[in-house]
C-alpha atoms as a PDB file:
ATOM      1  CA  MET A   1       4.343  -8.949  20.350  1.00  0.00           C
ATOM      2  CA  SER A   2       2.465 -10.091  23.319  1.00  0.00           C
ATOM      3  CA  LYS A   3      -0.672  -7.987  23.704  1.00  0.00           C
ATOM      4  CA  PRO A   4      -0.319  -5.034  26.584  1.00  0.00           C
ATOM      5  CA  LEU A   5      -0.934  -6.066  30.047  1.00  0.00           C
ATOM      6  CA  ILE A   6      -3.892  -3.456  31.678  1.00  0.00           C
ATOM      7  CA  ILE A   7      -2.892  -2.044  35.293  1.00  0.00           C
ATOM      8  CA  THR A   8      -4.023   0.837  36.925  1.00  0.00           C
ATOM      9  CA  VAL A   9      -3.006   4.558  36.994  1.00  0.00           C
ATOM     10  CA  THR A  10      -1.949   3.947  41.099  1.00  0.00           C
ATOM     11  CA  GLU A  11      -0.254   0.609  40.265  1.00  0.00           C
ATOM     12  CA  LEU A  12       1.665   2.488  37.499  1.00  0.00           C
ATOM     13  CA  GLN A  13       2.336   5.244  40.277  1.00  0.00           C
ATOM     14  CA  ARG A  14       3.277   3.122  42.711  1.00  0.00           C
ATOM     15  CA  ASN A  15       6.344   1.237  40.524  1.00  0.00           C
ATOM     16  CA  PHE A  16       6.739   3.851  38.158  1.00  0.00           C
ATOM     17  CA  GLY A  17      10.862   2.823  37.537  1.00  0.00           C
ATOM     18  CA  ALA A  18      10.100  -0.995  37.298  1.00  0.00           C
ATOM     19  CA  PHE A  19       7.102  -0.225  34.737  1.00  0.00           C
ATOM     20  CA  ILE A  20       9.355   1.889  32.900  1.00  0.00           C
ATOM     21  CA  GLY A  21      12.433  -0.837  32.786  1.00  0.00           C
ATOM     22  CA  ARG A  22      10.097  -3.477  31.755  1.00  0.00           C
ATOM     23  CA  VAL A  23       8.817  -1.403  28.317  1.00  0.00           C
ATOM     24  CA  ALA A  24      12.759   0.283  28.066  1.00  0.00           C
ATOM     25  CA  TYR A  25      14.296  -3.147  28.350  1.00  0.00           C
ATOM     26  CA  GLY A  26      11.851  -5.719  27.947  1.00  0.00           C
ATOM     27  CA  GLY A  27       9.783  -4.769  25.088  1.00  0.00           C
ATOM     28  CA  GLU A  28       6.793  -4.575  27.056  1.00  0.00           C
ATOM     29  CA  SER A  29       3.760  -3.096  26.320  1.00  0.00           C
ATOM     30  CA  PHE A  30       0.897  -1.431  29.135  1.00  0.00           C
ATOM     31  CA  ARG A  31      -3.078  -0.591  29.049  1.00  0.00           C
ATOM     32  CA  LEU A  32      -3.613   2.331  31.888  1.00  0.00           C
ATOM     33  CA  LYS A  33      -6.971   2.096  33.589  1.00  0.00           C
ATOM     34  CA  ARG A  34      -7.970   4.912  35.583  1.00  0.00           C
ATOM     35  CA  GLY A  35     -11.697   3.693  37.064  1.00  0.00           C
ATOM     36  CA  LYS A  36     -13.142   1.157  35.050  1.00  0.00           C
ATOM     37  CA  GLU A  37     -12.199   2.602  31.904  1.00  0.00           C
ATOM     38  CA  VAL A  38      -8.730   2.746  29.642  1.00  0.00           C
ATOM     39  CA  VAL A  39      -7.219   6.596  29.834  1.00  0.00           C
ATOM     40  CA  ALA A  40      -4.041   5.843  28.022  1.00  0.00           C
ATOM     41  CA  GLU A  41      -0.966   2.863  26.708  1.00  0.00           C
ATOM     42  CA  LEU A  42       2.873   2.494  27.639  1.00  0.00           C
ATOM     43  CA  LEU A  43       4.920   1.347  24.817  1.00  0.00           C
ATOM     44  CA  PRO A  44       8.153   0.782  23.824  1.00  0.00           C
ATOM     45  CA  ALA A  45       9.693   4.026  21.422  1.00  0.00           C
ATOM     46  CA  ALA A  46       9.717   3.833  17.942  1.00  0.00           C
ATOM     47  CA  ALA A  47      12.751   2.540  16.932  1.00  0.00           C
ATOM     48  CA  GLY A  48      14.509   4.262  14.450  1.00  0.00           C
ATOM     49  CA  ARG A  49      14.761   8.454  12.820  1.00  0.00           C
ATOM     50  CA  PRO A  50      11.742  10.736  12.807  1.00  0.00           C
ATOM     51  CA  VAL A  51      10.983  11.264   8.681  1.00  0.00           C
ATOM     52  CA  GLU A  52      11.692  15.227   9.301  1.00  0.00           C
ATOM     53  CA  GLU A  53      15.832  13.593   9.195  1.00  0.00           C
ATOM     54  CA  LEU A  54      16.090  12.230   6.186  1.00  0.00           C
ATOM     55  CA  SER A  55      16.436  15.424   4.106  1.00  0.00           C
ATOM     56  CA  GLN A  56      19.642  16.557   6.296  1.00  0.00           C
ATOM     57  CA  LEU A  57      20.334  12.637   6.321  1.00  0.00           C
ATOM     58  CA  LEU A  58      20.399  12.794   2.566  1.00  0.00           C
ATOM     59  CA  ALA A  59      22.216  15.220   2.196  1.00  0.00           C
ATOM     60  CA  GLY A  60      25.335  14.634   4.313  1.00  0.00           C
ATOM     61  CA  LEU A  61      25.082  10.760   2.221  1.00  0.00           C
ATOM     62  CA  PRO A  62      28.729  10.841  -0.300  1.00  0.00           C
ATOM     63  CA  ARG A  63      27.883  11.727  -3.908  1.00  0.00           C
ATOM     64  CA  LEU A  64      29.447   9.301  -7.023  1.00  0.00           C
ATOM     65  CA  ASP A  65      31.359  12.158  -9.339  1.00  0.00           C
ATOM     66  CA  SER A  66      30.064  12.196 -12.869  1.00  0.00           C
ATOM     67  CA  ASP A  67      32.035   9.104 -14.081  1.00  0.00           C
ATOM     68  CA  ASP A  68      30.997   6.570 -11.440  1.00  0.00           C
ATOM     69  CA  ALA A  69      27.531   7.982 -11.983  1.00  0.00           C
ATOM     70  CA  ARG A  70      27.316   7.002 -15.804  1.00  0.00           C
ATOM     71  CA  ALA A  71      28.982   3.893 -15.187  1.00  0.00           C
ATOM     72  CA  PHE A  72      26.158   3.325 -12.221  1.00  0.00           C
ATOM     73  CA  ALA A  73      23.634   3.920 -14.858  1.00  0.00           C
ATOM     74  CA  ARG A  74      24.693   1.874 -17.759  1.00  0.00           C
ATOM     75  CA  ASP A  75      25.177  -1.084 -15.279  1.00  0.00           C
ATOM     76  CA  VAL A  76      21.743  -0.467 -14.221  1.00  0.00           C
ATOM     77  CA  GLN A  77      20.354  -0.637 -17.600  1.00  0.00           C
ATOM     78  CA  GLU A  78      22.659  -3.619 -19.173  1.00  0.00           C
ATOM     79  CA  GLY A  79      21.071  -5.424 -16.123  1.00  0.00           C
ATOM     80  CA  GLY A  80      17.491  -4.935 -16.655  1.00  0.00           C
ATOM     81  CA  GLU A  81      17.538  -5.463 -20.329  1.00  0.00           C
ATOM     82  CA  GLY A  82      15.287  -8.244 -21.261  1.00  0.00           C
ATOM     83  CA  ARG A  83      14.689  -9.211 -17.984  1.00  0.00           C
ATOM     84  CA  LEU A  84      10.782  -8.610 -17.764  1.00  0.00           C
ATOM     85  CA  ALA A  85      10.013  -9.949 -21.199  1.00  0.00           C
ATOM     86  CA  SER A  86      11.868 -13.249 -19.837  1.00  0.00           C
ATOM     87  CA  LEU A  87       9.602 -13.909 -17.173  1.00  0.00           C
ATOM     88  CA  GLU A  88       6.511 -16.074 -17.059  1.00  0.00           C
ATOM     89  CA  ASP A  89       3.249 -14.668 -15.607  1.00  0.00           C
ATOM     90  CA  PRO A  90       2.797 -16.853 -12.588  1.00  0.00           C
ATOM     91  CA  TRP A  91      -1.299 -16.150 -13.070  1.00  0.00           C
ATOM     92  CA  ALA A  92      -1.212 -17.610 -16.151  1.00  0.00           C
ATOM     93  CA  SER A  93      -2.897 -20.769 -17.569  1.00  0.00           C
END
């Protein structure tokens, strides 16, 4: 990500649509200066979904039936048995 460009609030007001396009479609960021002080930033919106929606999202996922859940647990157990013991310590001398 490149360093945000510094523009004046007046410049933003005069070219608002162009700057919004540069942010939305070009991923650019701007620091807004009023007088000699930077007072705000104009950034692309964060991708993804808010964490507050996580429980609703998880509730809508399909569930394993009891047979599939037991088979999954067995596969996890079998796949992990003895695996940690066989790993070498990369920092051992």
